[in-house]
Amino acid sequence: MNKEILRLAIPNIISNISVPLLSSVDTALMGRMSELHIGAVGVGSMIFNFIYWNFGFLRMGTTGMTAQAYGRSAEAEITHTLGRALLIVLAVGALLLLLQGPIGAAGFTLMQTEGEQRALVAQYFYLRIWAAPATLGLYAFMGWFFGMQNAIYPLILTVAINVVNILLSVYLVEYQGMDVDGVALGTLIAQYFGLLLAIALFFYRYRYLLPHFRLRAIAAWGELTGFLRINADIFLRTLCLTGAFGFFYSQSSGQGEMALAVNTILLQYLNWMSYGVDGFAYASESLVGKYKGAGNRSRTRRAIRLSFGWGMGLALLFSLGYGLAGEGLLRLFTNQPDVIAAARPYLFWMILFPLLGTPSYIWDGVYIGLTASVSMRNSMLAAVVIFLLGYYLSVGLGNHGLWLALLLFLFARGVIQQWLFARKGLELR
């Protein structure tokens, strides 16, 4: 079982860490310009995170349902799950492009952007939005590959996309004189490159499933509504998650350009941690789903226990690393002495986040594998209430209060998920 977990987790960790690496490179490129540019890319990225994370069900729901079908060796169901995910991608991608004007305007207002910063965020947003169909399509393919117990293809896709993205962003910003538009254009091109690569990989290894492809079966109302019902719960759960982080960015922006720049940089620490431990969360999605589908309760529970052991071990390494090298990492993101000085008092929060926040990430993977979407949604709703209460009770602490509320949010979610599982076990819904 440990070998199985590592076979899935190690490629996931490598591919996941390349994601914040991209964000870190973007932040570092803008960090050589000004705090306005750092904040603009941070706010612009958060708007897209809010959009895309809310459609994360295209990956998460697809993984859980595919993994359970894989455990049952149901090839037609496996094929139709991918088809239904791609059908939703087409609809949602077209809708996002049609509504980009009002979506952008709402995002700029909610994130409290004004003046020159608003112009920079708009420049970034209205270019990158054209990558939406490709980004959502990649969600569907990656979720499906995970469900098929294949962590290598997502690794190939993520690393290839991010290498292309980083090279293009550096070239466009450093050698073509672009700024936030160079970062956005690099992302746009890389996403479509990734989608074409995902399609090629599917045909290379899984073309034997094509005879099972039936458009009528994919669009059958009963099965489609079942797919949508599970994913609607995940959508609401993710809406709460992105709302919490959106609120964090909005309140950071409201405290001024310096606070926004500091928090944008420090969130890179959280991103590195979350994408690292998510490697074991993704492994638990695949394994828990497979063994749940096969009806093997003992191996399902063992997969859960060992996923937590590995995840918390990695979390401890992150805490130690941030404690020993936290200040040095600041200089990777910016060479502005005033930004470094302003960020230094908040570094101790970075030590706490891996230890107290990691259980919520691993439980997410377990719940996705069990397709326990209702419990996942309810635990998130409760955690958001705790987050908001924590923020308003600690508002007098300024930016420290904001970080305290975010830590409470992650910790509370893990505790609630643990409690729900203790009550219902593998029968969670």
Protein backbone atom coordinates (compact mmCIF):
# COMPACT_ATOMS: atom_id res chain seq x y z
CA MET A 1 0.00 0.00 0.00
CA ASN A 2 2.87 2.39 0.78
CA LYS A 3 4.38 1.67 -2.62
CA GLU A 4 1.00 2.35 -4.24
CA ILE A 5 0.66 5.66 -2.41
CA LEU A 6 4.17 6.75 -3.35
CA ARG A 7 3.70 5.64 -6.96
CA LEU A 8 0.77 8.07 -7.18
CA ALA A 9 1.97 10.75 -4.76
CA ILE A 10 5.54 11.38 -5.93
CA PRO A 11 4.56 12.34 -9.51
CA ASN A 12 1.75 14.45 -8.04
CA ILE A 13 4.13 16.24 -5.68
CA ILE A 14 6.58 16.98 -8.48
CA SER A 15 3.83 18.24 -10.79
CA ASN A 16 2.07 20.16 -8.02
CA ILE A 17 5.22 21.95 -6.90
CA SER A 18 5.71 23.17 -10.47
CA VAL A 19 2.40 25.04 -10.16
CA PRO A 20 3.47 27.43 -7.34
CA LEU A 21 6.86 27.59 -9.07
CA LEU A 22 5.08 29.27 -11.97
CA SER A 23 3.24 31.62 -9.62
CA SER A 24 6.51 32.32 -7.82
CA VAL A 25 8.29 33.16 -11.09
CA ASP A 26 5.45 35.52 -12.05
CA THR A 27 5.68 37.18 -8.63
CA ALA A 28 9.47 37.44 -8.90
CA LEU A 29 9.26 38.98 -12.42
CA MET A 30 6.81 41.60 -11.19
CA GLY A 31 8.78 42.02 -7.93
CA ARG A 32 11.57 43.59 -9.97
CA MET A 33 9.19 46.33 -11.10
CA SER A 34 7.08 47.66 -8.20
CA GLU A 35 4.59 46.72 -5.50
CA LEU A 36 1.85 47.83 -7.93
CA HIS A 37 2.90 45.14 -10.41
CA ILE A 38 3.24 42.49 -7.67
CA GLY A 39 -0.25 43.31 -6.42
CA ALA A 40 -1.74 43.43 -9.94
CA VAL A 41 -0.58 39.91 -10.81
CA GLY A 42 -1.62 38.70 -7.34
CA VAL A 43 -5.11 40.16 -7.66
CA GLY A 44 -5.47 39.04 -11.28
CA SER A 45 -4.38 35.51 -10.40
CA MET A 46 -6.80 35.46 -7.47
CA ILE A 47 -9.69 36.42 -9.74
CA PHE A 48 -8.81 33.49 -12.00
CA ASN A 49 -8.37 31.21 -9.00
CA PHE A 50 -11.84 32.23 -7.92
CA ILE A 51 -13.20 31.38 -11.38
CA TYR A 52 -11.27 28.16 -11.96
CA TRP A 53 -11.32 26.76 -8.44
CA ASN A 54 -15.10 26.98 -8.55
CA PHE A 55 -15.00 24.63 -11.51
CA GLY A 56 -12.51 22.36 -9.77
CA PHE A 57 -15.27 19.76 -9.67
CA LEU A 58 -14.33 19.05 -13.28
CA ARG A 59 -11.18 17.49 -11.83
CA MET A 60 -12.28 16.34 -8.38
CA GLY A 61 -15.66 14.88 -9.27
CA THR A 62 -14.21 13.24 -12.37
CA THR A 63 -11.42 11.63 -10.32
CA GLY A 64 -13.73 10.13 -7.70
CA MET A 65 -16.30 8.78 -10.15
CA THR A 66 -13.67 7.47 -12.57
CA ALA A 67 -11.71 5.78 -9.75
CA GLN A 68 -14.80 3.98 -8.49
CA ALA A 69 -15.69 2.87 -12.04
CA TYR A 70 -12.08 1.71 -12.46
CA GLY A 71 -12.39 -0.36 -9.26
CA ARG A 72 -15.50 -2.02 -10.75
CA SER A 73 -13.74 -2.50 -14.16
CA ALA A 74 -16.68 -0.68 -15.82
CA GLU A 75 -15.10 0.54 -19.07
CA ALA A 76 -18.26 2.13 -20.50
CA GLU A 77 -18.81 4.10 -17.28
CA ILE A 78 -15.17 5.19 -17.30
CA THR A 79 -15.51 6.53 -20.85
CA HIS A 80 -18.83 8.26 -20.25
CA THR A 81 -17.50 10.02 -17.13
CA LEU A 82 -14.83 11.73 -19.24
CA GLY A 83 -17.40 12.53 -21.93
CA ARG A 84 -19.75 14.19 -19.43
CA ALA A 85 -16.90 16.24 -17.96
CA LEU A 86 -15.88 17.49 -21.42
CA LEU A 87 -19.50 18.29 -22.28
CA ILE A 88 -19.66 20.59 -19.24
CA VAL A 89 -16.27 22.10 -20.21
CA LEU A 90 -17.65 23.19 -23.58
CA ALA A 91 -20.69 24.84 -22.00
CA VAL A 92 -18.84 26.57 -19.15
CA GLY A 93 -15.91 27.70 -21.31
CA ALA A 94 -18.23 29.36 -23.83
CA LEU A 95 -20.19 31.04 -21.02
CA LEU A 96 -17.04 32.49 -19.42
CA LEU A 97 -15.90 34.01 -22.72
CA LEU A 98 -19.34 35.51 -23.38
CA LEU A 99 -19.58 37.01 -19.88
CA GLN A 100 -15.96 38.15 -19.51
CA GLY A 101 -16.96 41.84 -19.34
CA PRO A 102 -19.27 41.67 -16.31
CA ILE A 103 -17.12 38.97 -14.64
CA GLY A 104 -14.03 41.18 -14.92
CA ALA A 105 -15.82 44.30 -13.71
CA ALA A 106 -17.23 42.43 -10.70
CA GLY A 107 -13.83 40.98 -9.87
CA PHE A 108 -12.07 44.36 -9.99
CA THR A 109 -14.70 45.87 -7.69
CA LEU A 110 -14.73 43.00 -5.19
CA MET A 111 -10.94 43.04 -4.99
CA GLN A 112 -11.02 46.79 -4.26
CA THR A 113 -8.70 47.72 -7.14
CA GLU A 114 -8.45 51.40 -8.05
CA GLY A 115 -6.61 53.73 -10.39
CA GLU A 116 -3.39 52.50 -11.94
CA GLN A 117 -3.61 49.11 -10.27
CA ARG A 118 -7.10 48.52 -11.68
CA ALA A 119 -5.78 49.23 -15.18
CA LEU A 120 -2.96 46.72 -14.73
CA VAL A 121 -5.32 44.04 -13.37
CA ALA A 122 -7.71 44.61 -16.30
CA GLN A 123 -4.85 44.28 -18.78
CA TYR A 124 -3.93 40.94 -17.23
CA PHE A 125 -7.51 39.65 -16.93
CA TYR A 126 -8.86 40.39 -20.41
CA LEU A 127 -5.95 38.62 -22.04
CA ARG A 128 -5.75 35.54 -19.83
CA ILE A 129 -9.52 34.91 -19.88
CA TRP A 130 -9.18 33.49 -23.41
CA ALA A 131 -7.39 30.49 -21.90
CA ALA A 132 -10.56 29.45 -20.02
CA PRO A 133 -11.71 26.61 -22.35
CA ALA A 134 -8.22 25.08 -22.37
CA THR A 135 -7.78 25.38 -18.59
CA LEU A 136 -11.13 23.71 -17.87
CA GLY A 137 -10.47 21.00 -20.45
CA LEU A 138 -7.20 20.21 -18.68
CA TYR A 139 -9.11 19.90 -15.39
CA ALA A 140 -11.30 17.21 -16.92
CA PHE A 141 -8.44 15.26 -18.47
CA MET A 142 -6.25 15.43 -15.36
CA GLY A 143 -9.08 14.32 -13.10
CA TRP A 144 -9.80 11.42 -15.41
CA PHE A 145 -6.15 10.36 -15.56
CA PHE A 146 -5.97 10.41 -11.74
CA GLY A 147 -9.09 8.25 -11.57
CA MET A 148 -7.41 5.79 -13.94
CA GLN A 149 -4.58 5.50 -11.33
CA ASN A 150 -2.27 7.28 -13.77
CA ALA A 151 -0.22 9.99 -12.05
CA ILE A 152 2.43 10.10 -14.78
CA TYR A 153 0.30 11.81 -17.43
CA PRO A 154 -0.73 14.67 -15.09
CA LEU A 155 2.96 15.02 -14.21
CA ILE A 156 3.93 15.25 -17.88
CA LEU A 157 1.14 17.75 -18.55
CA THR A 158 1.78 19.99 -15.55
CA VAL A 159 5.54 20.14 -15.95
CA ALA A 160 5.31 20.69 -19.73
CA ILE A 161 2.70 23.46 -19.34
CA ASN A 162 4.62 25.24 -16.61
CA VAL A 163 7.99 25.01 -18.35
CA VAL A 164 6.44 26.52 -21.48
CA ASN A 165 4.66 29.14 -19.36
CA ILE A 166 7.77 30.14 -17.41
CA LEU A 167 9.97 30.35 -20.53
CA LEU A 168 7.39 32.44 -22.37
CA SER A 169 6.78 34.74 -19.38
CA VAL A 170 10.51 35.36 -18.85
CA TYR A 171 11.03 35.93 -22.58
CA LEU A 172 8.09 38.30 -22.95
CA VAL A 173 8.82 40.31 -19.80
CA GLU A 174 12.63 40.35 -19.80
CA TYR A 175 13.33 40.44 -23.54
CA GLN A 176 10.21 41.94 -25.15
CA GLY A 177 9.60 44.71 -22.62
CA MET A 178 6.10 43.54 -21.63
CA ASP A 179 4.86 43.55 -18.03
CA VAL A 180 1.62 42.02 -16.72
CA ASP A 181 0.42 41.36 -20.28
CA GLY A 182 3.56 39.26 -20.91
CA VAL A 183 2.77 37.05 -17.91
CA ALA A 184 -0.86 36.67 -19.06
CA LEU A 185 0.09 35.85 -22.66
CA GLY A 186 2.57 33.23 -21.49
CA THR A 187 -0.21 31.53 -19.52
CA LEU A 188 -2.64 31.70 -22.44
CA ILE A 189 -0.31 30.00 -24.92
CA ALA A 190 0.85 27.38 -22.43
CA GLN A 191 -2.71 26.30 -21.55
CA TYR A 192 -3.65 25.53 -25.16
CA PHE A 193 -0.36 23.72 -25.62
CA GLY A 194 -1.28 21.59 -22.59
CA LEU A 195 -4.76 20.77 -23.86
CA LEU A 196 -3.39 19.53 -27.19
CA LEU A 197 -0.85 17.42 -25.32
CA ALA A 198 -3.59 15.92 -23.08
CA ILE A 199 -5.63 14.89 -26.13
CA ALA A 200 -2.54 13.33 -27.70
CA LEU A 201 -1.76 11.35 -24.51
CA PHE A 202 -5.35 10.10 -24.32
CA PHE A 203 -5.28 8.77 -27.86
CA TYR A 204 -1.84 7.25 -27.31
CA ARG A 205 -2.83 5.11 -24.31
CA TYR A 206 -6.62 4.97 -24.00
CA ARG A 207 -7.91 4.79 -27.55
CA TYR A 208 -9.11 1.23 -26.76
CA LEU A 209 -11.96 2.88 -24.82
CA LEU A 210 -13.29 4.77 -27.85
CA PRO A 211 -15.71 1.96 -28.91
CA HIS A 212 -17.54 2.60 -25.61
CA PHE A 213 -18.07 6.27 -26.52
CA ARG A 214 -21.77 6.93 -27.06
CA LEU A 215 -22.99 10.53 -27.20
CA ARG A 216 -26.52 9.44 -26.32
CA ALA A 217 -25.26 7.64 -23.20
CA ILE A 218 -23.10 10.61 -22.19
CA ALA A 219 -26.02 13.03 -22.49
CA ALA A 220 -28.59 10.64 -20.96
CA TRP A 221 -30.50 12.78 -18.49
CA GLY A 222 -30.51 10.39 -15.54
CA GLU A 223 -26.75 9.76 -15.59
CA LEU A 224 -25.96 13.38 -16.42
CA THR A 225 -28.02 14.69 -13.51
CA GLY A 226 -26.25 12.23 -11.17
CA PHE A 227 -22.90 13.55 -12.38
CA LEU A 228 -24.11 17.14 -11.97
CA ARG A 229 -25.58 16.53 -8.50
CA ILE A 230 -22.27 15.32 -7.06
CA ASN A 231 -20.40 18.10 -8.80
CA ALA A 232 -22.90 20.76 -7.65
CA ASP A 233 -21.98 19.97 -4.03
CA ILE A 234 -18.27 20.18 -4.90
CA PHE A 235 -18.95 23.45 -6.73
CA LEU A 236 -20.60 24.96 -3.64
CA ARG A 237 -17.74 23.69 -1.46
CA THR A 238 -15.19 25.26 -3.78
CA LEU A 239 -17.18 28.49 -4.03
CA CYS A 240 -16.83 28.81 -0.25
CA LEU A 241 -13.10 28.08 -0.47
CA THR A 242 -12.44 30.65 -3.17
CA GLY A 243 -14.71 33.10 -1.38
CA ALA A 244 -12.56 32.78 1.76
CA PHE A 245 -9.33 33.37 -0.17
CA GLY A 246 -10.97 36.13 -2.20
CA PHE A 247 -12.01 37.79 1.06
CA PHE A 248 -8.42 37.43 2.28
CA TYR A 249 -7.10 39.19 -0.83
CA SER A 250 -9.80 41.84 -0.69
CA GLN A 251 -9.04 42.70 2.93
CA SER A 252 -5.31 42.71 2.11
CA SER A 253 -5.95 45.17 -0.71
CA GLY A 254 -8.06 47.31 1.62
CA GLN A 255 -5.08 47.64 3.99
CA GLY A 256 -2.96 49.25 1.29
CA GLU A 257 -0.52 48.41 -1.49
CA MET A 258 2.22 47.26 0.90
CA ALA A 259 -0.03 44.84 2.81
CA LEU A 260 -1.28 43.42 -0.48
CA ALA A 261 2.28 42.95 -1.77
CA VAL A 262 3.36 41.25 1.49
CA ASN A 263 0.38 38.89 1.59
CA THR A 264 0.74 38.05 -2.11
CA ILE A 265 4.31 36.93 -1.44
CA LEU A 266 3.52 35.06 1.79
CA LEU A 267 0.68 33.17 0.10
CA GLN A 268 3.38 31.66 -2.12
CA TYR A 269 4.63 29.86 1.01
CA LEU A 270 1.13 28.48 1.57
CA ASN A 271 0.89 27.51 -2.09
CA TRP A 272 4.14 25.56 -1.94
CA MET A 273 2.95 23.71 1.14
CA SER A 274 -0.55 22.97 -0.16
CA TYR A 275 0.61 21.75 -3.54
CA GLY A 276 3.17 19.52 -1.84
CA VAL A 277 0.80 17.79 0.61
CA ASP A 278 -1.87 17.66 -2.10
CA GLY A 279 0.32 14.99 -3.72
CA PHE A 280 -0.82 12.62 -0.97
CA ALA A 281 -4.36 14.00 -1.11
CA TYR A 282 -4.50 13.16 -4.82
CA ALA A 283 -3.11 9.69 -4.09
CA SER A 284 -5.89 9.15 -1.55
CA GLU A 285 -8.50 10.29 -4.12
CA SER A 286 -7.33 7.63 -6.55
CA LEU A 287 -6.81 4.79 -4.07
CA VAL A 288 -9.81 5.41 -1.82
CA GLY A 289 -12.03 5.67 -4.92
CA LYS A 290 -10.59 2.50 -6.44
CA TYR A 291 -10.98 0.40 -3.29
CA LYS A 292 -14.40 1.88 -2.52
CA GLY A 293 -15.53 0.94 -6.05
CA ALA A 294 -14.12 -2.57 -5.61
CA GLY A 295 -15.94 -2.93 -2.27
CA ASN A 296 -12.71 -3.54 -0.31
CA ARG A 297 -13.34 -1.76 3.00
CA SER A 298 -10.15 -2.80 4.80
CA ARG A 299 -7.87 -1.54 2.03
CA THR A 300 -9.93 1.65 1.77
CA ARG A 301 -9.35 2.39 5.45
CA ARG A 302 -5.66 1.48 5.18
CA ALA A 303 -5.26 3.87 2.24
CA ILE A 304 -6.76 6.65 4.37
CA ARG A 305 -4.47 6.00 7.36
CA LEU A 306 -1.28 5.82 5.33
CA SER A 307 -2.16 8.91 3.26
CA PHE A 308 -2.40 10.87 6.51
CA GLY A 309 0.91 9.50 7.76
CA TRP A 310 2.79 10.53 4.62
CA GLY A 311 0.98 13.89 4.34
CA MET A 312 1.73 14.95 7.90
CA GLY A 313 5.36 13.85 7.54
CA LEU A 314 5.74 16.17 4.54
CA ALA A 315 3.95 18.96 6.44
CA LEU A 316 6.53 18.70 9.23
CA LEU A 317 9.34 19.11 6.67
CA PHE A 318 7.66 22.25 5.29
CA SER A 319 7.37 23.75 8.79
CA LEU A 320 11.03 23.05 9.51
CA GLY A 321 12.05 24.51 6.15
CA TYR A 322 10.05 27.71 6.67
CA GLY A 323 11.40 28.06 10.19
CA LEU A 324 15.01 27.77 9.03
CA ALA A 325 14.88 29.53 5.65
CA GLY A 326 11.73 31.64 5.71
CA GLU A 327 13.50 34.98 5.55
CA GLY A 328 15.86 33.86 2.80
CA LEU A 329 12.90 32.81 0.66
CA LEU A 330 11.55 36.36 0.78
CA ARG A 331 14.52 37.49 -1.31
CA LEU A 332 13.55 35.05 -4.05
CA PHE A 333 10.25 36.87 -4.52
CA THR A 334 11.34 40.49 -4.31
CA ASN A 335 14.43 42.67 -4.09
CA GLN A 336 12.47 45.57 -2.56
CA PRO A 337 13.92 46.16 0.96
CA ASP A 338 10.74 47.79 2.27
CA VAL A 339 8.60 44.81 1.17
CA ILE A 340 11.03 42.35 2.80
CA ALA A 341 11.02 44.34 6.04
CA ALA A 342 7.21 44.52 6.06
CA ALA A 343 6.87 40.75 5.48
CA ARG A 344 9.35 39.63 8.12
CA PRO A 345 6.99 39.90 11.18
CA TYR A 346 4.52 37.47 9.54
CA LEU A 347 6.93 34.61 8.85
CA PHE A 348 6.00 32.70 12.03
CA TRP A 349 2.53 32.10 10.56
CA MET A 350 4.19 30.18 7.73
CA ILE A 351 5.57 27.68 10.27
CA LEU A 352 2.10 26.99 11.70
CA PHE A 353 0.16 26.56 8.46
CA PRO A 354 1.65 23.21 7.32
CA LEU A 355 1.06 21.48 10.67
CA LEU A 356 -2.45 22.80 11.34
CA GLY A 357 -3.72 23.06 7.77
CA THR A 358 -2.56 19.78 6.18
CA PRO A 359 -5.32 17.51 7.60
CA SER A 360 -7.96 19.48 5.68
CA TYR A 361 -6.14 18.79 2.39
CA ILE A 362 -5.83 15.05 3.03
CA TRP A 363 -9.46 14.79 4.12
CA ASP A 364 -10.49 16.50 0.91
CA GLY A 365 -8.77 13.72 -1.03
CA VAL A 366 -10.50 11.05 1.07
CA TYR A 367 -13.93 12.64 0.64
CA ILE A 368 -13.44 12.95 -3.13
CA GLY A 369 -12.49 9.27 -3.37
CA LEU A 370 -15.62 8.35 -1.39
CA THR A 371 -17.69 10.81 -3.52
CA ALA A 372 -18.90 12.17 -0.15
CA SER A 373 -19.82 15.48 -1.74
CA VAL A 374 -22.59 16.47 0.68
CA SER A 375 -20.36 16.08 3.74
CA MET A 376 -17.56 17.89 1.92
CA ARG A 377 -19.87 20.81 1.19
CA ASN A 378 -21.26 20.98 4.74
CA SER A 379 -17.83 20.94 6.40
CA MET A 380 -16.71 23.80 4.18
CA LEU A 381 -19.81 25.89 4.97
CA ALA A 382 -19.14 25.51 8.70
CA ALA A 383 -15.44 26.39 8.27
CA VAL A 384 -16.29 29.59 6.36
CA VAL A 385 -18.53 30.73 9.23
CA ILE A 386 -15.62 30.13 11.64
CA PHE A 387 -13.27 32.01 9.29
CA LEU A 388 -15.50 35.09 9.17
CA LEU A 389 -16.10 35.04 12.93
CA GLY A 390 -12.37 34.70 13.51
CA TYR A 391 -11.62 37.63 11.26
CA TYR A 392 -14.17 40.03 12.78
CA LEU A 393 -13.19 39.06 16.32
CA SER A 394 -9.49 39.69 15.57
CA VAL A 395 -9.87 42.69 13.25
CA GLY A 396 -8.06 44.87 15.79
CA LEU A 397 -4.89 42.84 15.16
CA GLY A 398 -4.67 44.18 11.60
CA ASN A 399 -2.88 41.93 9.14
CA HIS A 400 -2.03 39.44 11.91
CA GLY A 401 -5.77 39.03 12.49
CA LEU A 402 -6.23 38.23 8.82
CA TRP A 403 -3.62 35.47 8.94
CA LEU A 404 -5.07 34.12 12.19
CA ALA A 405 -8.52 33.85 10.58
CA LEU A 406 -7.10 32.00 7.57
CA LEU A 407 -5.31 29.53 9.83
CA LEU A 408 -8.52 28.94 11.81
CA PHE A 409 -10.33 28.32 8.54
CA LEU A 410 -8.02 25.49 7.46
CA PHE A 411 -7.72 23.98 10.94
CA ALA A 412 -11.48 24.02 11.58
CA ARG A 413 -12.21 22.36 8.24
CA GLY A 414 -9.89 19.46 9.07
CA VAL A 415 -11.42 19.02 12.53
CA ILE A 416 -14.99 19.03 11.16
CA GLN A 417 -14.11 16.52 8.43
CA GLN A 418 -12.49 14.24 11.03
CA TRP A 419 -15.62 14.42 13.19
CA LEU A 420 -17.94 13.60 10.29
CA PHE A 421 -15.83 10.61 9.26
CA ALA A 422 -15.70 9.36 12.87
CA ARG A 423 -19.51 9.39 12.88
CA LYS A 424 -20.25 7.73 9.52
CA GLY A 425 -17.03 6.20 8.26
CA LEU A 426 -17.07 4.86 4.70
CA GLU A 427 -20.83 5.46 4.47
CA LEU A 428 -20.26 9.21 4.21
CA ARG A 429 -22.31 10.88 1.51
